[in-house]
Amino acid sequence: MWWESMLPMGIIVGMIFIMGQSQDFFHKAAFGKVLFSLEIIVGVVNLILILSIYIVFLAELKFLSIHV
């Protein structure tokens, strides 16, 4: 069922969030300022792209498992 994919998706989203926050932390520690806002927007777009690919992959797996 669909809720079985929530744990792996939560882990993936959490790891992406931690990577983004650690990058922001180290950038601020090194340069004393936060990242440029365009870089943050690009990061959010990449996150949405990764999540959409993951959802399509899960949908294809479900489709294949039904029709096998």
N, C-alpha and C. Protein backbone atom coordinates (compact mmCIF):
# COMPACT_ATOMS: atom_id res chain seq x y z
N MET A 1 0.84 -1.19 0.00
CA MET A 1 0.00 0.00 0.00
C MET A 1 0.88 1.25 0.00
N TRP A 2 0.22 2.39 -0.14
CA TRP A 2 0.97 3.63 -0.30
C TRP A 2 1.72 4.04 0.96
N TRP A 3 1.23 3.66 2.13
CA TRP A 3 1.89 4.11 3.36
C TRP A 3 3.21 3.37 3.61
N GLU A 4 3.41 2.25 2.91
CA GLU A 4 4.67 1.53 3.06
C GLU A 4 5.85 2.33 2.50
N SER A 5 5.58 3.24 1.60
CA SER A 5 6.65 4.05 1.03
C SER A 5 6.92 5.31 1.83
N MET A 6 6.12 5.58 2.86
CA MET A 6 6.30 6.82 3.61
C MET A 6 7.60 6.82 4.43
N LEU A 7 7.97 5.71 5.02
CA LEU A 7 9.21 5.65 5.80
C LEU A 7 10.44 5.89 4.93
N PRO A 8 10.61 5.17 3.79
CA PRO A 8 11.79 5.46 2.96
C PRO A 8 11.78 6.90 2.42
N MET A 9 10.61 7.39 2.05
CA MET A 9 10.55 8.76 1.54
C MET A 9 10.90 9.75 2.65
N GLY A 10 10.43 9.48 3.87
CA GLY A 10 10.78 10.34 5.00
C GLY A 10 12.27 10.34 5.28
N ILE A 11 12.89 9.17 5.16
CA ILE A 11 14.33 9.09 5.37
C ILE A 11 15.07 9.87 4.29
N ILE A 12 14.65 9.72 3.05
CA ILE A 12 15.30 10.44 1.95
C ILE A 12 15.14 11.94 2.11
N VAL A 13 13.93 12.40 2.41
CA VAL A 13 13.69 13.83 2.58
C VAL A 13 14.49 14.36 3.77
N GLY A 14 14.53 13.58 4.85
CA GLY A 14 15.31 14.00 6.01
C GLY A 14 16.79 14.14 5.70
N MET A 15 17.33 13.19 4.96
CA MET A 15 18.76 13.26 4.62
C MET A 15 19.04 14.46 3.70
N ILE A 16 18.14 14.72 2.75
CA ILE A 16 18.32 15.89 1.87
C ILE A 16 18.25 17.17 2.69
N PHE A 17 17.33 17.23 3.65
CA PHE A 17 17.20 18.39 4.51
C PHE A 17 18.47 18.58 5.33
N ILE A 18 18.99 17.51 5.90
CA ILE A 18 20.20 17.60 6.72
C ILE A 18 21.39 18.05 5.86
N MET A 19 21.49 17.53 4.63
CA MET A 19 22.58 17.95 3.75
C MET A 19 22.49 19.44 3.45
N GLY A 20 21.28 19.92 3.18
CA GLY A 20 21.10 21.34 2.87
C GLY A 20 21.40 22.22 4.07
N GLN A 21 20.94 21.81 5.25
CA GLN A 21 21.19 22.61 6.44
C GLN A 21 22.67 22.60 6.83
N SER A 22 23.34 21.47 6.67
CA SER A 22 24.77 21.43 6.99
C SER A 22 25.57 22.28 6.02
N GLN A 23 25.17 22.28 4.75
CA GLN A 23 25.84 23.13 3.77
C GLN A 23 25.66 24.59 4.15
N ASP A 24 24.46 24.97 4.55
CA ASP A 24 24.19 26.34 4.96
C ASP A 24 25.00 26.70 6.21
N PHE A 25 25.07 25.78 7.16
CA PHE A 25 25.83 26.02 8.39
C PHE A 25 27.31 26.25 8.10
N PHE A 26 27.92 25.37 7.29
CA PHE A 26 29.34 25.49 7.00
C PHE A 26 29.63 26.72 6.14
N HIS A 27 28.71 27.06 5.25
CA HIS A 27 28.91 28.26 4.43
C HIS A 27 28.87 29.50 5.31
N LYS A 28 27.93 29.53 6.25
CA LYS A 28 27.83 30.67 7.16
C LYS A 28 29.04 30.73 8.08
N ALA A 29 29.54 29.58 8.53
CA ALA A 29 30.72 29.56 9.39
C ALA A 29 31.97 30.02 8.63
N ALA A 30 32.06 29.68 7.36
CA ALA A 30 33.25 30.02 6.59
C ALA A 30 33.23 31.48 6.11
N PHE A 31 32.06 31.96 5.67
CA PHE A 31 31.99 33.28 5.05
C PHE A 31 31.25 34.31 5.88
N GLY A 32 30.60 33.89 6.96
CA GLY A 32 29.92 34.83 7.83
C GLY A 32 28.58 35.32 7.31
N LYS A 33 28.08 34.73 6.25
CA LYS A 33 26.77 35.12 5.73
C LYS A 33 26.08 33.89 5.17
N VAL A 34 24.79 33.98 5.02
CA VAL A 34 24.04 32.84 4.50
C VAL A 34 24.20 32.77 2.99
N LEU A 35 23.76 31.66 2.42
CA LEU A 35 23.85 31.47 0.98
C LEU A 35 22.99 32.50 0.23
N PHE A 36 23.36 32.75 -0.99
CA PHE A 36 22.57 33.62 -1.86
C PHE A 36 21.21 32.98 -2.09
N SER A 37 20.16 33.76 -2.11
CA SER A 37 18.80 33.21 -2.16
C SER A 37 18.54 32.40 -3.44
N LEU A 38 19.20 32.73 -4.54
CA LEU A 38 19.01 31.96 -5.77
C LEU A 38 19.50 30.53 -5.59
N GLU A 39 20.59 30.34 -4.85
CA GLU A 39 21.09 28.99 -4.58
C GLU A 39 20.09 28.21 -3.74
N ILE A 40 19.41 28.86 -2.82
CA ILE A 40 18.39 28.20 -2.01
C ILE A 40 17.21 27.78 -2.89
N ILE A 41 16.80 28.64 -3.80
CA ILE A 41 15.70 28.32 -4.71
C ILE A 41 16.07 27.13 -5.59
N VAL A 42 17.30 27.10 -6.09
CA VAL A 42 17.76 25.98 -6.91
C VAL A 42 17.75 24.70 -6.08
N GLY A 43 18.13 24.77 -4.82
CA GLY A 43 18.10 23.60 -3.95
C GLY A 43 16.69 23.08 -3.74
N VAL A 44 15.73 23.98 -3.57
CA VAL A 44 14.34 23.57 -3.41
C VAL A 44 13.80 22.93 -4.68
N VAL A 45 14.15 23.49 -5.83
CA VAL A 45 13.71 22.92 -7.10
C VAL A 45 14.31 21.52 -7.27
N ASN A 46 15.57 21.35 -6.89
CA ASN A 46 16.19 20.02 -6.97
C ASN A 46 15.49 19.04 -6.05
N LEU A 47 15.11 19.47 -4.85
CA LEU A 47 14.40 18.60 -3.92
C LEU A 47 13.06 18.18 -4.50
N ILE A 48 12.33 19.11 -5.10
CA ILE A 48 11.04 18.79 -5.71
C ILE A 48 11.25 17.80 -6.87
N LEU A 49 12.28 18.00 -7.65
CA LEU A 49 12.57 17.10 -8.76
C LEU A 49 12.89 15.70 -8.26
N ILE A 50 13.71 15.59 -7.23
CA ILE A 50 14.05 14.28 -6.68
C ILE A 50 12.82 13.59 -6.13
N LEU A 51 11.99 14.32 -5.41
CA LEU A 51 10.77 13.72 -4.85
C LEU A 51 9.80 13.27 -5.94
N SER A 52 9.68 14.07 -7.00
CA SER A 52 8.77 13.68 -8.08
C SER A 52 9.28 12.43 -8.80
N ILE A 53 10.61 12.32 -8.98
CA ILE A 53 11.17 11.12 -9.59
C ILE A 53 10.92 9.91 -8.71
N TYR A 54 11.06 10.08 -7.39
CA TYR A 54 10.83 8.99 -6.45
C TYR A 54 9.37 8.55 -6.48
N ILE A 55 8.44 9.49 -6.55
CA ILE A 55 7.02 9.15 -6.58
C ILE A 55 6.67 8.43 -7.87
N VAL A 56 7.21 8.89 -8.99
CA VAL A 56 6.95 8.22 -10.27
C VAL A 56 7.53 6.80 -10.25
N PHE A 57 8.71 6.65 -9.66
CA PHE A 57 9.33 5.33 -9.54
C PHE A 57 8.45 4.40 -8.72
N LEU A 58 7.92 4.88 -7.60
CA LEU A 58 7.04 4.06 -6.78
C LEU A 58 5.75 3.70 -7.53
N ALA A 59 5.23 4.65 -8.29
CA ALA A 59 4.02 4.39 -9.05
C ALA A 59 4.28 3.32 -10.12
N GLU A 60 5.44 3.38 -10.75
CA GLU A 60 5.77 2.37 -11.76
C GLU A 60 5.96 1.00 -11.12
N LEU A 61 6.56 0.95 -9.95
CA LEU A 61 6.71 -0.32 -9.25
C LEU A 61 5.34 -0.93 -8.91
N LYS A 62 4.46 -0.08 -8.45
CA LYS A 62 3.10 -0.57 -8.11
C LYS A 62 2.41 -1.05 -9.38
N PHE A 63 2.56 -0.32 -10.47
CA PHE A 63 1.94 -0.72 -11.73
C PHE A 63 2.49 -2.06 -12.19
N LEU A 64 3.79 -2.23 -12.09
CA LEU A 64 4.40 -3.49 -12.54
C LEU A 64 4.00 -4.64 -11.65
N SER A 65 3.88 -4.40 -10.34
CA SER A 65 3.53 -5.50 -9.44
C SER A 65 2.08 -5.94 -9.62
N ILE A 66 1.21 -5.04 -10.06
CA ILE A 66 -0.19 -5.39 -10.27
C ILE A 66 -0.34 -6.23 -11.53
N HIS A 67 0.41 -5.91 -12.56
CA HIS A 67 0.21 -6.54 -13.86
C HIS A 67 1.13 -7.72 -14.13
N VAL A 68 1.91 -8.13 -13.17
CA VAL A 68 2.83 -9.26 -13.40
C VAL A 68 2.08 -10.55 -13.31
